[in-house]
Amino acid sequence: MRKFHLSFEKYWKKKDVEVGKHAIIGTACVCNPGVFIGEGATIGSMSLITKDLEPWWVYFGVPAKKQIPRNKEEMMQIVKDFKNSLK
C-alpha cells in the first residue's frame, strides 16, 4: 500500500491518500485528503476524487462516479503475461 502525504495546513488537517495495488490514476486527477483508492481501481483523467473508491471499478467525472466493473482475474492474467514477455 502506498501512502502520499498532502499538506493543506491552511484549509484542512493533514491526511494521507492511500492507493491500493494495481490502481491506475489518470492525468490531472484531484484527490481530497484522506480518501482510499481501492486495489485495481482506475480513475479517468481530470476526475475529482471526493470519497473512498471500491476495488476493481473504473471511475471518472467531477465528482468521480463508479462506471464500469473490472474483472480482477483477467487483469491479473494480463499483468502475468506482460511480466513473462519481458523475460
Protein backbone atom coordinates (compact mmCIF):
# COMPACT_ATOMS: atom_id res chain seq x y z
CA MET A 1 0.00 0.00 0.00
CA ARG A 2 1.45 3.37 -0.99
CA LYS A 3 0.71 6.48 1.04
CA PHE A 4 1.03 10.02 -0.21
CA HIS A 5 1.13 12.91 2.21
CA LEU A 6 -0.79 16.03 1.21
CA SER A 7 -0.36 19.25 3.18
CA PHE A 8 -3.09 21.87 3.12
CA GLU A 9 -2.49 23.27 6.59
CA LYS A 10 -4.42 26.49 5.98
CA TYR A 11 -7.55 24.66 4.83
CA TRP A 12 -7.61 21.06 6.06
CA LYS A 13 -5.92 18.80 8.51
CA LYS A 14 -3.12 16.67 7.09
CA LYS A 15 -4.42 13.33 5.86
CA ASP A 16 -2.89 10.57 3.75
CA VAL A 17 -4.31 9.34 0.47
CA GLU A 18 -4.00 5.54 0.31
CA VAL A 19 -3.63 3.88 -3.09
CA GLY A 20 -4.11 0.11 -3.49
CA LYS A 21 -2.01 -2.16 -5.68
CA HIS A 22 -2.68 -2.11 -9.43
CA ALA A 23 -4.62 1.17 -9.19
CA ILE A 24 -4.38 3.47 -12.22
CA ILE A 25 -4.76 7.22 -11.77
CA GLY A 26 -5.24 9.36 -14.86
CA THR A 27 -3.57 12.68 -15.62
CA ALA A 28 -4.60 15.80 -13.66
CA CYS A 29 -6.81 13.99 -11.13
CA VAL A 30 -7.54 15.72 -7.85
CA CYS A 31 -7.93 13.67 -4.65
CA ASN A 32 -9.39 15.05 -1.45
CA PRO A 33 -7.23 14.35 1.62
CA GLY A 34 -7.94 11.09 3.44
CA VAL A 35 -9.52 9.12 0.59
CA PHE A 36 -8.76 5.45 -0.10
CA ILE A 37 -8.34 4.29 -3.70
CA GLY A 38 -9.05 0.54 -3.77
CA GLU A 39 -6.93 -2.16 -5.35
CA GLY A 40 -7.23 -2.19 -9.14
CA ALA A 41 -9.38 0.93 -9.31
CA THR A 42 -8.97 3.00 -12.47
CA ILE A 43 -9.58 6.75 -12.41
CA GLY A 44 -10.12 8.72 -15.60
CA SER A 45 -8.17 11.90 -16.41
CA MET A 46 -9.23 15.14 -14.74
CA SER A 47 -11.54 13.37 -12.26
CA LEU A 48 -12.25 14.67 -8.75
CA ILE A 49 -11.99 12.02 -6.01
CA THR A 50 -14.16 13.10 -3.08
CA LYS A 51 -14.72 9.78 -1.27
CA ASP A 52 -13.29 6.26 -0.95
CA LEU A 53 -13.28 4.17 -4.15
CA GLU A 54 -14.14 0.47 -4.21
CA PRO A 55 -11.64 -2.01 -5.66
CA TRP A 56 -11.74 -3.14 -9.31
CA TRP A 57 -14.02 -0.45 -10.76
CA VAL A 58 -13.49 2.31 -13.31
CA TYR A 59 -14.33 5.82 -12.07
CA PHE A 60 -14.47 9.15 -13.87
CA GLY A 61 -16.17 12.51 -13.72
CA VAL A 62 -16.46 15.50 -11.41
CA PRO A 63 -17.03 14.15 -8.84
CA ALA A 64 -15.80 10.68 -9.85
CA LYS A 65 -18.57 8.07 -10.02
CA LYS A 66 -18.47 4.29 -10.37
CA GLN A 67 -18.92 3.46 -14.06
CA ILE A 68 -17.61 0.08 -15.24
CA PRO A 69 -16.58 -3.06 -13.30
CA ARG A 70 -13.16 -4.61 -13.98
CA ASN A 71 -12.55 -8.37 -13.81
CA LYS A 72 -9.74 -8.97 -11.33
CA GLU A 73 -8.77 -12.37 -12.74
CA GLU A 74 -8.49 -11.05 -16.30
CA MET A 75 -6.42 -8.04 -15.20
CA MET A 76 -4.04 -10.19 -13.15
CA GLN A 77 -3.59 -12.54 -16.13
CA ILE A 78 -2.65 -9.57 -18.32
CA VAL A 79 -0.06 -8.48 -15.75
CA LYS A 80 1.32 -12.03 -15.54
CA ASP A 81 1.54 -12.36 -19.34
CA PHE A 82 3.28 -8.99 -19.59
CA LYS A 83 5.86 -9.97 -16.97
CA ASN A 84 6.51 -13.25 -18.81
CA SER A 85 7.01 -11.42 -22.10
CA LEU A 86 9.82 -9.37 -20.53
CA LYS A 87 11.89 -12.46 -19.73
